[in-house]
Amino acid sequence: MGAKPRHTREPAPAAPVDVDLAVYRAAMDAAPCALVVVDSRGAICLVNQETERLFGYRREELLDRPIELLVPLELEGGHAQHRDQFLAKPEPRPMGKRRDLGARRRDGSVFPAEVGLSPVRTAAGLFVVGAIIDLTARRQAERLLAEQSDLLSHQNAKLAELAVTDGLTGLRNRRAFIEQLMVQLELAVRHARSLSVLILDADRFKEYNDEFGHLAGDEVLREVARILQDVARRSDFVARIGGEEFGIILPETNREGALVLGERFRTAIESSAWPRRLVTLSVGATTVDFANPIPRPDAPGVSQILTEADRALYHSKDGGRNRVTHADQLEALR
């Protein structure tokens, strides 16, 4: 017969160690946050050193006092009801739930706090251990971070604005003009609308600079920009796209409308009171008109539109300046 199996005896569980209350107090005092133990009456029965420091009370001033002593005055009345509800159904409430809570110091000041609750049942009854963290520094850091984020967003918005703004005249610059023309061209193709573009150039501007100086020339450009902006319709997009060259996008404007508006801008400049000598503009216009609301492969691009407007502008220059030419007129002359 085989040998009988040898039974091994499980080690007996260790007897519970009776820890002195002083050990519990030492452990609580070593905790980095305020710890408050409350009995089933809602009375404080144990606190640690961090609680004394945080709330400004001596330990003996807190013992056997209601926990509402540490609650903001405006919440003190309703806190007892919340406490009774919690004690009726005690469940752990860990930190990290981001509840907006406040706590009151001895001097009456209130600070934002995060509170974790741990119910403990003992032979002496139900106790609740509350861990309290002062969130003042964290909230200040969050507020500072939010302010810095807002400032950064504002600065980025300013930079973005500067990137598309002409520094001399305050009009949009060439980059913004091209971007807007791309948008308006897409809308015109998609919705079967007309779209016209004007290129306007100050006549003999180099001669003006040479005679009166660049500062006087800058004054002219600023005044031209102001007049063009004043004359433009709300839907028109006015930009400075070169040294003395301006561009205007005319949404939903056909060939006839482009010529009428071109003359309006030209006349406004010519009829203004210029302090040194007359300032005039030569204008080139072009129009795209789509019969179908579906993008076509042969739809002209931005470069083609600008090239046609430039050709019309050069024809106005060659024809004596201070006049408006539409690109369609060049085709008729061929």
C-alpha atoms as a PDB file:
ATOM      1  CA  MET A   1       0.000   0.000   0.000  1.00  0.00           C
ATOM      2  CA  GLY A   2       1.177   3.434  -0.749  1.00  0.00           C
ATOM      3  CA  ALA A   3       2.114   5.933   1.888  1.00  0.00           C
ATOM      4  CA  LYS A   4      -0.690   8.083   3.249  1.00  0.00           C
ATOM      5  CA  PRO A   5      -0.667  11.643   2.029  1.00  0.00           C
ATOM      6  CA  ARG A   6       0.872  14.032   4.493  1.00  0.00           C
ATOM      7  CA  HIS A   7      -1.489  16.807   5.493  1.00  0.00           C
ATOM      8  CA  THR A   8       0.048  20.236   5.931  1.00  0.00           C
ATOM      9  CA  ARG A   9      -1.511  22.476   8.519  1.00  0.00           C
ATOM     10  CA  GLU A  10      -2.392  26.018   7.429  1.00  0.00           C
ATOM     11  CA  PRO A  11      -0.718  28.660   9.574  1.00  0.00           C
ATOM     12  CA  ALA A  12      -3.040  30.203  12.098  1.00  0.00           C
ATOM     13  CA  PRO A  13      -4.052  33.785  11.317  1.00  0.00           C
ATOM     14  CA  ALA A  14      -2.161  36.382  13.230  1.00  0.00           C
ATOM     15  CA  ALA A  15      -3.988  37.852  16.164  1.00  0.00           C
ATOM     16  CA  PRO A  16      -5.108  41.444  15.640  1.00  0.00           C
ATOM     17  CA  VAL A  17      -2.754  43.953  17.105  1.00  0.00           C
ATOM     18  CA  ASP A  18      -4.307  46.382  19.517  1.00  0.00           C
ATOM     19  CA  VAL A  19      -3.016  49.702  18.266  1.00  0.00           C
ATOM     20  CA  ASP A  20      -2.893  52.517  20.765  1.00  0.00           C
ATOM     21  CA  LEU A  21      -4.859  55.700  19.935  1.00  0.00           C
ATOM     22  CA  ALA A  22      -1.581  57.594  19.943  1.00  0.00           C
ATOM     23  CA  VAL A  23      -0.488  55.566  16.911  1.00  0.00           C
ATOM     24  CA  TYR A  24      -3.606  56.559  15.006  1.00  0.00           C
ATOM     25  CA  ARG A  25      -3.027  60.189  15.899  1.00  0.00           C
ATOM     26  CA  ALA A  26       0.595  59.977  14.800  1.00  0.00           C
ATOM     27  CA  ALA A  27      -0.477  58.404  11.515  1.00  0.00           C
ATOM     28  CA  MET A  28      -3.064  61.134  10.964  1.00  0.00           C
ATOM     29  CA  ASP A  29      -0.565  63.873  11.765  1.00  0.00           C
ATOM     30  CA  ALA A  30       1.781  62.415   9.166  1.00  0.00           C
ATOM     31  CA  ALA A  31      -0.888  62.766   6.448  1.00  0.00           C
ATOM     32  CA  PRO A  32      -0.245  65.628   3.965  1.00  0.00           C
ATOM     33  CA  CYS A  33      -3.892  66.731   3.948  1.00  0.00           C
ATOM     34  CA  ALA A  34      -6.377  67.742   6.612  1.00  0.00           C
ATOM     35  CA  LEU A  35      -8.156  64.745   8.172  1.00  0.00           C
ATOM     36  CA  VAL A  36     -11.313  65.104  10.261  1.00  0.00           C
ATOM     37  CA  VAL A  37     -13.142  62.197  11.889  1.00  0.00           C
ATOM     38  CA  VAL A  38     -16.834  62.777  12.599  1.00  0.00           C
ATOM     39  CA  ASP A  39     -19.154  60.529  14.611  1.00  0.00           C
ATOM     40  CA  SER A  40     -22.759  59.646  13.853  1.00  0.00           C
ATOM     41  CA  ARG A  41     -23.923  62.828  15.583  1.00  0.00           C
ATOM     42  CA  GLY A  42     -21.934  64.944  13.163  1.00  0.00           C
ATOM     43  CA  ALA A  43     -19.522  65.920  15.930  1.00  0.00           C
ATOM     44  CA  ILE A  44     -15.779  66.154  15.360  1.00  0.00           C
ATOM     45  CA  CYS A  45     -13.926  63.563  17.384  1.00  0.00           C
ATOM     46  CA  LEU A  46     -10.458  63.527  15.860  1.00  0.00           C
ATOM     47  CA  VAL A  47      -8.375  65.921  13.739  1.00  0.00           C
ATOM     48  CA  ASN A  48      -4.767  66.081  12.638  1.00  0.00           C
ATOM     49  CA  GLN A  49      -2.155  68.845  12.681  1.00  0.00           C
ATOM     50  CA  GLU A  50      -2.834  69.802   9.050  1.00  0.00           C
ATOM     51  CA  THR A  51      -6.459  70.498   9.999  1.00  0.00           C
ATOM     52  CA  GLU A  52      -5.258  72.886  12.720  1.00  0.00           C
ATOM     53  CA  ARG A  53      -2.971  74.655  10.262  1.00  0.00           C
ATOM     54  CA  LEU A  54      -5.505  74.834   7.452  1.00  0.00           C
ATOM     55  CA  PHE A  55      -8.501  76.022   9.474  1.00  0.00           C
ATOM     56  CA  GLY A  56      -6.699  78.064  12.152  1.00  0.00           C
ATOM     57  CA  TYR A  57      -8.229  76.205  15.109  1.00  0.00           C
ATOM     58  CA  ARG A  58      -6.457  74.457  17.973  1.00  0.00           C
ATOM     59  CA  ARG A  59      -7.358  70.827  18.260  1.00  0.00           C
ATOM     60  CA  GLU A  60      -9.244  71.241  21.511  1.00  0.00           C
ATOM     61  CA  GLU A  61     -11.388  73.977  19.916  1.00  0.00           C
ATOM     62  CA  LEU A  62     -12.668  71.504  17.320  1.00  0.00           C
ATOM     63  CA  LEU A  63     -13.281  68.351  19.337  1.00  0.00           C
ATOM     64  CA  ASP A  64     -16.965  67.589  19.983  1.00  0.00           C
ATOM     65  CA  ARG A  65     -17.999  70.561  17.850  1.00  0.00           C
ATOM     66  CA  PRO A  66     -20.398  70.042  14.885  1.00  0.00           C
ATOM     67  CA  ILE A  67     -18.709  69.610  11.522  1.00  0.00           C
ATOM     68  CA  GLU A  68     -20.814  72.550  10.274  1.00  0.00           C
ATOM     69  CA  LEU A  69     -18.260  74.729  12.081  1.00  0.00           C
ATOM     70  CA  LEU A  70     -16.039  74.204   9.021  1.00  0.00           C
ATOM     71  CA  VAL A  71     -18.784  74.788   6.430  1.00  0.00           C
ATOM     72  CA  PRO A  72     -19.403  78.189   4.754  1.00  0.00           C
ATOM     73  CA  LEU A  73     -22.117  80.136   6.588  1.00  0.00           C
ATOM     74  CA  GLU A  74     -24.477  80.217   3.606  1.00  0.00           C
ATOM     75  CA  LEU A  75     -24.343  76.402   3.433  1.00  0.00           C
ATOM     76  CA  GLU A  76     -24.387  75.675   7.127  1.00  0.00           C
ATOM     77  CA  GLY A  77     -28.164  75.280   7.383  1.00  0.00           C
ATOM     78  CA  GLY A  78     -28.479  72.732   4.578  1.00  0.00           C
ATOM     79  CA  HIS A  79     -25.324  70.831   5.441  1.00  0.00           C
ATOM     80  CA  ALA A  80     -26.907  69.046   8.414  1.00  0.00           C
ATOM     81  CA  GLN A  81     -29.571  67.625   6.100  1.00  0.00           C
ATOM     82  CA  HIS A  82     -26.947  66.440   3.620  1.00  0.00           C
ATOM     83  CA  ARG A  83     -24.991  64.898   6.486  1.00  0.00           C
ATOM     84  CA  ASP A  84     -28.018  62.989   7.743  1.00  0.00           C
ATOM     85  CA  GLN A  85     -28.702  61.706   4.203  1.00  0.00           C
ATOM     86  CA  PHE A  86     -25.129  60.516   3.897  1.00  0.00           C
ATOM     87  CA  LEU A  87     -25.183  58.780   7.281  1.00  0.00           C
ATOM     88  CA  ALA A  88     -28.425  57.038   6.333  1.00  0.00           C
ATOM     89  CA  LYS A  89     -26.710  55.525   3.311  1.00  0.00           C
ATOM     90  CA  PRO A  90     -22.968  55.890   3.815  1.00  0.00           C
ATOM     91  CA  GLU A  91     -20.857  55.200   0.737  1.00  0.00           C
ATOM     92  CA  PRO A  92     -17.276  56.246   0.010  1.00  0.00           C
ATOM     93  CA  ARG A  93     -16.934  59.494  -1.880  1.00  0.00           C
ATOM     94  CA  PRO A  94     -13.413  59.600  -3.260  1.00  0.00           C
ATOM     95  CA  MET A  95     -11.689  62.775  -4.298  1.00  0.00           C
ATOM     96  CA  GLY A  96     -11.368  63.752  -7.922  1.00  0.00           C
ATOM     97  CA  LYS A  97     -15.084  64.279  -8.646  1.00  0.00           C
ATOM     98  CA  ARG A  98     -14.471  68.017  -9.149  1.00  0.00           C
ATOM     99  CA  ARG A  99     -17.384  69.072  -6.956  1.00  0.00           C
ATOM    100  CA  ASP A 100     -17.383  72.798  -6.184  1.00  0.00           C
ATOM    101  CA  LEU A 101     -17.077  72.759  -2.417  1.00  0.00           C
ATOM    102  CA  GLY A 102     -15.942  75.357   0.072  1.00  0.00           C
ATOM    103  CA  ALA A 103     -14.622  75.323   3.632  1.00  0.00           C
ATOM    104  CA  ARG A 104     -14.575  78.007   6.341  1.00  0.00           C
ATOM    105  CA  ARG A 105     -11.592  78.974   8.430  1.00  0.00           C
ATOM    106  CA  ARG A 106     -11.728  80.276  11.990  1.00  0.00           C
ATOM    107  CA  ASP A 107     -11.452  83.866  10.731  1.00  0.00           C
ATOM    108  CA  GLY A 108     -14.551  83.340   8.547  1.00  0.00           C
ATOM    109  CA  SER A 109     -12.708  83.271   5.243  1.00  0.00           C
ATOM    110  CA  VAL A 110     -13.849  80.630   2.776  1.00  0.00           C
ATOM    111  CA  PHE A 111     -11.544  78.680   0.474  1.00  0.00           C
ATOM    112  CA  PRO A 112     -12.271  76.203  -2.332  1.00  0.00           C
ATOM    113  CA  ALA A 113     -11.824  72.649  -1.155  1.00  0.00           C
ATOM    114  CA  GLU A 114     -11.898  69.095  -2.370  1.00  0.00           C
ATOM    115  CA  VAL A 115     -13.351  66.636   0.128  1.00  0.00           C
ATOM    116  CA  GLY A 116     -13.190  62.864   0.212  1.00  0.00           C
ATOM    117  CA  LEU A 117     -15.410  60.886   2.593  1.00  0.00           C
ATOM    118  CA  SER A 118     -14.787  57.362   3.910  1.00  0.00           C
ATOM    119  CA  PRO A 119     -17.408  55.813   6.259  1.00  0.00           C
ATOM    120  CA  VAL A 120     -15.983  53.429   8.874  1.00  0.00           C
ATOM    121  CA  ARG A 121     -18.143  51.082  10.981  1.00  0.00           C
ATOM    122  CA  THR A 122     -16.714  50.142  14.358  1.00  0.00           C
ATOM    123  CA  ALA A 123     -17.971  48.551  17.545  1.00  0.00           C
ATOM    124  CA  ALA A 124     -18.470  52.074  18.842  1.00  0.00           C
ATOM    125  CA  GLY A 125     -20.656  53.022  15.915  1.00  0.00           C
ATOM    126  CA  LEU A 126     -20.370  54.720  12.527  1.00  0.00           C
ATOM    127  CA  PHE A 127     -17.625  57.240  11.896  1.00  0.00           C
ATOM    128  CA  VAL A 128     -16.765  59.229   8.796  1.00  0.00           C
ATOM    129  CA  VAL A 129     -13.199  60.146   7.876  1.00  0.00           C
ATOM    130  CA  GLY A 130     -13.045  63.314   5.817  1.00  0.00           C
ATOM    131  CA  ALA A 131      -9.943  64.243   3.843  1.00  0.00           C
ATOM    132  CA  ILE A 132      -9.805  67.941   2.899  1.00  0.00           C
ATOM    133  CA  ILE A 133      -7.487  69.606   0.402  1.00  0.00           C
ATOM    134  CA  ASP A 134      -7.209  73.360  -0.055  1.00  0.00           C
ATOM    135  CA  LEU A 135      -7.667  74.098  -3.772  1.00  0.00           C
ATOM    136  CA  THR A 136      -6.760  77.785  -3.568  1.00  0.00           C
ATOM    137  CA  ALA A 137      -3.346  77.385  -5.203  1.00  0.00           C
ATOM    138  CA  ARG A 138      -4.758  75.050  -7.852  1.00  0.00           C
ATOM    139  CA  ARG A 139      -7.618  77.408  -8.690  1.00  0.00           C
ATOM    140  CA  GLN A 140      -5.205  80.336  -8.886  1.00  0.00           C
ATOM    141  CA  ALA A 141      -2.991  78.321 -11.234  1.00  0.00           C
ATOM    142  CA  GLU A 142      -6.020  77.351 -13.343  1.00  0.00           C
ATOM    143  CA  ARG A 143      -7.184  80.962 -13.457  1.00  0.00           C
ATOM    144  CA  LEU A 144      -3.704  82.134 -14.432  1.00  0.00           C
ATOM    145  CA  LEU A 145      -3.521  79.434 -17.082  1.00  0.00           C
ATOM    146  CA  ALA A 146      -6.932  80.469 -18.431  1.00  0.00           C
ATOM    147  CA  GLU A 147      -5.871  84.119 -18.509  1.00  0.00           C
ATOM    148  CA  GLN A 148      -2.650  83.203 -20.305  1.00  0.00           C
ATOM    149  CA  SER A 149      -4.646  81.072 -22.743  1.00  0.00           C
ATOM    150  CA  ASP A 150      -7.028  83.970 -23.413  1.00  0.00           C
ATOM    151  CA  LEU A 151      -4.092  86.331 -23.876  1.00  0.00           C
ATOM    152  CA  LEU A 152      -2.410  83.889 -26.232  1.00  0.00           C
ATOM    153  CA  SER A 153      -5.635  83.476 -28.209  1.00  0.00           C
ATOM    154  CA  HIS A 154      -5.972  87.257 -28.409  1.00  0.00           C
ATOM    155  CA  GLN A 155      -2.368  87.636 -29.542  1.00  0.00           C
ATOM    156  CA  ASN A 156      -2.806  84.864 -32.106  1.00  0.00           C
ATOM    157  CA  ALA A 157      -5.931  86.589 -33.394  1.00  0.00           C
ATOM    158  CA  LYS A 158      -3.989  89.847 -33.674  1.00  0.00           C
ATOM    159  CA  LEU A 159      -1.174  88.078 -35.497  1.00  0.00           C
ATOM    160  CA  ALA A 160      -3.677  86.448 -37.834  1.00  0.00           C
ATOM    161  CA  GLU A 161      -5.241  89.866 -38.444  1.00  0.00           C
ATOM    162  CA  LEU A 162      -1.847  91.428 -39.104  1.00  0.00           C
ATOM    163  CA  ALA A 163      -1.020  88.639 -41.536  1.00  0.00           C
ATOM    164  CA  VAL A 164      -3.901  89.687 -43.800  1.00  0.00           C
ATOM    165  CA  THR A 165      -3.832  93.447 -43.206  1.00  0.00           C
ATOM    166  CA  ASP A 166      -1.875  96.079 -45.075  1.00  0.00           C
ATOM    167  CA  GLY A 167       0.076  98.062 -42.513  1.00  0.00           C
ATOM    168  CA  LEU A 168      -0.015 101.375 -44.367  1.00  0.00           C
ATOM    169  CA  THR A 169      -3.660 101.644 -45.406  1.00  0.00           C
ATOM    170  CA  GLY A 170      -5.439  99.274 -43.031  1.00  0.00           C
ATOM    171  CA  LEU A 171      -7.033  97.483 -45.977  1.00  0.00           C
ATOM    172  CA  ARG A 172      -6.721  93.761 -46.501  1.00  0.00           C
ATOM    173  CA  ASN A 173      -3.488  92.744 -48.208  1.00  0.00           C
ATOM    174  CA  ARG A 174      -2.773  90.657 -51.299  1.00  0.00           C
ATOM    175  CA  ARG A 175      -2.853  87.400 -49.361  1.00  0.00           C
ATOM    176  CA  ALA A 176      -6.331  88.131 -48.031  1.00  0.00           C
ATOM    177  CA  PHE A 177      -7.430  89.300 -51.490  1.00  0.00           C
ATOM    178  CA  ILE A 178      -6.384  86.017 -53.113  1.00  0.00           C
ATOM    179  CA  GLU A 179      -8.042  83.955 -50.374  1.00  0.00           C
ATOM    180  CA  GLN A 180     -11.285  85.917 -50.675  1.00  0.00           C
ATOM    181  CA  LEU A 181     -11.218  85.683 -54.465  1.00  0.00           C
ATOM    182  CA  MET A 182     -10.914  81.888 -54.203  1.00  0.00           C
ATOM    183  CA  VAL A 183     -13.955  81.795 -51.920  1.00  0.00           C
ATOM    184  CA  GLN A 184     -16.041  84.088 -54.105  1.00  0.00           C
ATOM    185  CA  LEU A 185     -15.060  82.219 -57.264  1.00  0.00           C
ATOM    186  CA  GLU A 186     -16.198  78.936 -55.720  1.00  0.00           C
ATOM    187  CA  LEU A 187     -19.522  80.508 -54.723  1.00  0.00           C
ATOM    188  CA  ALA A 188     -20.007  81.972 -58.188  1.00  0.00           C
ATOM    189  CA  VAL A 189     -19.366  78.615 -59.849  1.00  0.00           C
ATOM    190  CA  ARG A 190     -21.526  76.673 -57.412  1.00  0.00           C
ATOM    191  CA  HIS A 191     -24.522  79.012 -57.505  1.00  0.00           C
ATOM    192  CA  ALA A 192     -24.304  80.188 -61.115  1.00  0.00           C
ATOM    193  CA  ARG A 193     -23.555  83.787 -60.214  1.00  0.00           C
ATOM    194  CA  SER A 194     -21.537  86.536 -61.824  1.00  0.00           C
ATOM    195  CA  LEU A 195     -18.288  87.697 -60.274  1.00  0.00           C
ATOM    196  CA  SER A 196     -16.225  90.714 -61.283  1.00  0.00           C
ATOM    197  CA  VAL A 197     -12.782  91.921 -60.238  1.00  0.00           C
ATOM    198  CA  LEU A 198     -11.237  95.369 -60.535  1.00  0.00           C
ATOM    199  CA  ILE A 199      -7.539  96.168 -60.478  1.00  0.00           C
ATOM    200  CA  LEU A 200      -6.874  99.871 -59.830  1.00  0.00           C
ATOM    201  CA  ASP A 201      -3.505 101.583 -60.073  1.00  0.00           C
ATOM    202  CA  ALA A 202      -2.548 105.143 -59.106  1.00  0.00           C
ATOM    203  CA  ASP A 203      -1.360 106.974 -62.227  1.00  0.00           C
ATOM    204  CA  ARG A 204       2.224 108.295 -62.357  1.00  0.00           C
ATOM    205  CA  PHE A 205       2.712 107.452 -58.702  1.00  0.00           C
ATOM    206  CA  LYS A 206       6.496 107.131 -59.024  1.00  0.00           C
ATOM    207  CA  GLU A 207       6.636 110.673 -60.359  1.00  0.00           C
ATOM    208  CA  TYR A 208       4.526 111.813 -57.391  1.00  0.00           C
ATOM    209  CA  ASN A 209       6.950 110.154 -54.951  1.00  0.00           C
ATOM    210  CA  ASP A 210       9.947 111.649 -56.708  1.00  0.00           C
ATOM    211  CA  GLU A 211       8.443 115.144 -56.657  1.00  0.00           C
ATOM    212  CA  PHE A 212       6.881 115.251 -53.189  1.00  0.00           C
ATOM    213  CA  GLY A 213       8.619 112.470 -51.285  1.00  0.00           C
ATOM    214  CA  HIS A 214       7.595 109.060 -50.002  1.00  0.00           C
ATOM    215  CA  LEU A 215       5.759 110.420 -46.969  1.00  0.00           C
ATOM    216  CA  ALA A 216       3.499 112.429 -49.256  1.00  0.00           C
ATOM    217  CA  GLY A 217       3.077 109.333 -51.407  1.00  0.00           C
ATOM    218  CA  ASP A 218       2.038 107.328 -48.340  1.00  0.00           C
ATOM    219  CA  GLU A 219      -0.586 109.975 -47.554  1.00  0.00           C
ATOM    220  CA  VAL A 220      -1.989 109.572 -51.062  1.00  0.00           C
ATOM    221  CA  LEU A 221      -2.211 105.789 -50.710  1.00  0.00           C
ATOM    222  CA  ARG A 222      -3.986 106.072 -47.374  1.00  0.00           C
ATOM    223  CA  GLU A 223      -6.455 108.576 -48.817  1.00  0.00           C
ATOM    224  CA  VAL A 224      -7.067 106.448 -51.904  1.00  0.00           C
ATOM    225  CA  ALA A 225      -7.737 103.463 -49.633  1.00  0.00           C
ATOM    226  CA  ARG A 226     -10.187 105.484 -47.545  1.00  0.00           C
ATOM    227  CA  ILE A 227     -12.089 106.728 -50.596  1.00  0.00           C
ATOM    228  CA  LEU A 228     -12.306 103.274 -52.170  1.00  0.00           C
ATOM    229  CA  GLN A 229     -13.579 101.805 -48.906  1.00  0.00           C
ATOM    230  CA  ASP A 230     -16.173 104.576 -48.548  1.00  0.00           C
ATOM    231  CA  VAL A 231     -17.446 104.156 -52.100  1.00  0.00           C
ATOM    232  CA  ALA A 232     -17.514 100.338 -52.027  1.00  0.00           C
ATOM    233  CA  ARG A 233     -20.705  98.446 -51.364  1.00  0.00           C
ATOM    234  CA  ARG A 234     -21.026  96.360 -48.207  1.00  0.00           C
ATOM    235  CA  SER A 235     -20.502  93.202 -50.232  1.00  0.00           C
ATOM    236  CA  ASP A 236     -17.365  94.448 -52.025  1.00  0.00           C
ATOM    237  CA  PHE A 237     -13.914  93.412 -50.856  1.00  0.00           C
ATOM    238  CA  VAL A 238     -11.264  96.140 -51.103  1.00  0.00           C
ATOM    239  CA  ALA A 239      -7.546  95.369 -50.716  1.00  0.00           C
ATOM    240  CA  ARG A 240      -4.155  96.840 -51.390  1.00  0.00           C
ATOM    241  CA  ILE A 241      -2.426  94.223 -53.509  1.00  0.00           C
ATOM    242  CA  GLY A 242       0.775  96.023 -54.467  1.00  0.00           C
ATOM    243  CA  GLY A 243       2.710  99.252 -54.033  1.00  0.00           C
ATOM    244  CA  GLU A 244       0.172 101.650 -55.571  1.00  0.00           C
ATOM    245  CA  GLU A 245      -2.146  98.896 -56.799  1.00  0.00           C
ATOM    246  CA  PHE A 246      -5.538  98.056 -55.318  1.00  0.00           C
ATOM    247  CA  GLY A 247      -7.949  95.210 -55.971  1.00  0.00           C
ATOM    248  CA  ILE A 248     -11.704  95.086 -55.484  1.00  0.00           C
ATOM    249  CA  ILE A 249     -13.811  91.912 -55.618  1.00  0.00           C
ATOM    250  CA  LEU A 250     -17.404  92.547 -56.742  1.00  0.00           C
ATOM    251  CA  PRO A 251     -19.633  89.559 -55.872  1.00  0.00           C
ATOM    252  CA  GLU A 252     -22.738  88.959 -57.984  1.00  0.00           C
ATOM    253  CA  THR A 253     -21.710  91.715 -60.413  1.00  0.00           C
ATOM    254  CA  ASN A 254     -21.903  91.306 -64.177  1.00  0.00           C
ATOM    255  CA  ARG A 255     -19.884  93.055 -66.891  1.00  0.00           C
ATOM    256  CA  GLU A 256     -22.099  96.146 -66.991  1.00  0.00           C
ATOM    257  CA  GLY A 257     -22.054  96.443 -63.219  1.00  0.00           C
ATOM    258  CA  ALA A 258     -18.270  96.141 -63.158  1.00  0.00           C
ATOM    259  CA  LEU A 259     -17.922  99.025 -65.617  1.00  0.00           C
ATOM    260  CA  VAL A 260     -20.378 101.190 -63.659  1.00  0.00           C
ATOM    261  CA  LEU A 261     -18.596 100.531 -60.363  1.00  0.00           C
ATOM    262  CA  GLY A 262     -15.181 100.976 -61.939  1.00  0.00           C
ATOM    263  CA  GLU A 263     -16.251 104.432 -63.158  1.00  0.00           C
ATOM    264  CA  ARG A 264     -17.663 105.231 -59.724  1.00  0.00           C
ATOM    265  CA  PHE A 265     -14.341 104.446 -58.032  1.00  0.00           C
ATOM    266  CA  ARG A 266     -12.342 106.296 -60.709  1.00  0.00           C
ATOM    267  CA  THR A 267     -14.541 109.397 -60.482  1.00  0.00           C
ATOM    268  CA  ALA A 268     -14.420 109.449 -56.682  1.00  0.00           C
ATOM    269  CA  ILE A 269     -10.620 109.589 -56.760  1.00  0.00           C
ATOM    270  CA  GLU A 270     -10.453 112.170 -59.542  1.00  0.00           C
ATOM    271  CA  SER A 271     -12.980 114.490 -57.896  1.00  0.00           C
ATOM    272  CA  SER A 272     -11.370 114.474 -54.453  1.00  0.00           C
ATOM    273  CA  ALA A 273      -9.500 117.547 -53.204  1.00  0.00           C
ATOM    274  CA  TRP A 274      -5.807 116.637 -53.451  1.00  0.00           C
ATOM    275  CA  PRO A 275      -3.479 119.151 -51.778  1.00  0.00           C
ATOM    276  CA  ARG A 276      -0.500 118.918 -54.143  1.00  0.00           C
ATOM    277  CA  ARG A 277      -1.728 117.776 -57.535  1.00  0.00           C
ATOM    278  CA  LEU A 278      -4.501 115.728 -59.081  1.00  0.00           C
ATOM    279  CA  VAL A 279      -4.474 111.991 -58.343  1.00  0.00           C
ATOM    280  CA  THR A 280      -6.162 109.599 -60.758  1.00  0.00           C
ATOM    281  CA  LEU A 281      -6.595 105.837 -61.123  1.00  0.00           C
ATOM    282  CA  SER A 282      -6.460 103.532 -64.105  1.00  0.00           C
ATOM    283  CA  VAL A 283      -8.823 100.588 -63.779  1.00  0.00           C
ATOM    284  CA  GLY A 284      -8.896  97.135 -65.318  1.00  0.00           C
ATOM    285  CA  ALA A 285     -12.001  94.937 -64.969  1.00  0.00           C
ATOM    286  CA  THR A 286     -12.896  91.353 -65.713  1.00  0.00           C
ATOM    287  CA  THR A 287     -16.017  89.263 -65.178  1.00  0.00           C
ATOM    288  CA  VAL A 288     -16.815  85.563 -64.937  1.00  0.00           C
ATOM    289  CA  ASP A 289     -20.409  84.459 -65.423  1.00  0.00           C
ATOM    290  CA  PHE A 290     -21.537  80.862 -64.996  1.00  0.00           C
ATOM    291  CA  ALA A 291     -24.722  79.597 -66.546  1.00  0.00           C
ATOM    292  CA  ASN A 292     -24.858  76.322 -64.605  1.00  0.00           C
ATOM    293  CA  PRO A 293     -24.636  75.770 -60.844  1.00  0.00           C
ATOM    294  CA  ILE A 294     -22.238  72.825 -61.325  1.00  0.00           C
ATOM    295  CA  PRO A 295     -18.467  73.452 -61.322  1.00  0.00           C
ATOM    296  CA  ARG A 296     -17.128  73.058 -64.841  1.00  0.00           C
ATOM    297  CA  PRO A 297     -13.662  71.770 -65.737  1.00  0.00           C
ATOM    298  CA  ASP A 298     -13.066  74.861 -67.837  1.00  0.00           C
ATOM    299  CA  ALA A 299     -13.977  77.317 -65.068  1.00  0.00           C
ATOM    300  CA  PRO A 300     -11.281  80.006 -64.905  1.00  0.00           C
ATOM    301  CA  GLY A 301      -8.979  80.007 -61.920  1.00  0.00           C
ATOM    302  CA  VAL A 302      -7.766  82.904 -59.791  1.00  0.00           C
ATOM    303  CA  SER A 303      -4.591  83.364 -61.833  1.00  0.00           C
ATOM    304  CA  GLN A 304      -6.520  83.625 -65.085  1.00  0.00           C
ATOM    305  CA  ILE A 305      -8.938  86.166 -63.626  1.00  0.00           C
ATOM    306  CA  LEU A 306      -6.122  88.345 -62.309  1.00  0.00           C
ATOM    307  CA  THR A 307      -4.221  88.067 -65.587  1.00  0.00           C
ATOM    308  CA  GLU A 308      -7.261  89.302 -67.524  1.00  0.00           C
ATOM    309  CA  ALA A 309      -7.822  92.172 -65.097  1.00  0.00           C
ATOM    310  CA  ASP A 310      -4.142  93.131 -65.354  1.00  0.00           C
ATOM    311  CA  ARG A 311      -4.320  93.122 -69.161  1.00  0.00           C
ATOM    312  CA  ALA A 312      -7.318  95.425 -69.006  1.00  0.00           C
ATOM    313  CA  LEU A 313      -5.463  97.683 -66.558  1.00  0.00           C
ATOM    314  CA  TYR A 314      -2.455  97.954 -68.871  1.00  0.00           C
ATOM    315  CA  HIS A 315      -4.804  98.884 -71.718  1.00  0.00           C
ATOM    316  CA  SER A 316      -6.197 101.715 -69.568  1.00  0.00           C
ATOM    317  CA  LYS A 317      -2.636 102.878 -68.891  1.00  0.00           C
ATOM    318  CA  ASP A 318      -1.659 102.692 -72.569  1.00  0.00           C
ATOM    319  CA  GLY A 319      -4.865 104.455 -73.579  1.00  0.00           C
ATOM    320  CA  GLY A 320      -4.033 107.600 -71.603  1.00  0.00           C
ATOM    321  CA  ARG A 321      -4.684 106.593 -67.958  1.00  0.00           C
ATOM    322  CA  ASN A 322      -7.565 107.682 -65.725  1.00  0.00           C
ATOM    323  CA  ARG A 323     -10.004 105.349 -67.440  1.00  0.00           C
ATOM    324  CA  VAL A 324     -11.754 101.982 -67.034  1.00  0.00           C
ATOM    325  CA  THR A 325     -11.257  99.069 -69.411  1.00  0.00           C
ATOM    326  CA  HIS A 326     -13.033  95.717 -69.272  1.00  0.00           C
ATOM    327  CA  ALA A 327     -11.226  92.583 -70.459  1.00  0.00           C
ATOM    328  CA  ASP A 328     -14.079  91.909 -72.889  1.00  0.00           C
ATOM    329  CA  GLN A 329     -13.191  95.114 -74.715  1.00  0.00           C
ATOM    330  CA  LEU A 330      -9.727  93.703 -75.471  1.00  0.00           C
ATOM    331  CA  GLU A 331     -11.323  90.720 -77.203  1.00  0.00           C
ATOM    332  CA  ALA A 332     -13.371  93.079 -79.383  1.00  0.00           C
ATOM    333  CA  LEU A 333     -10.210  94.916 -80.425  1.00  0.00           C
ATOM    334  CA  ARG A 334      -8.501  91.787 -81.674  1.00  0.00           C
END
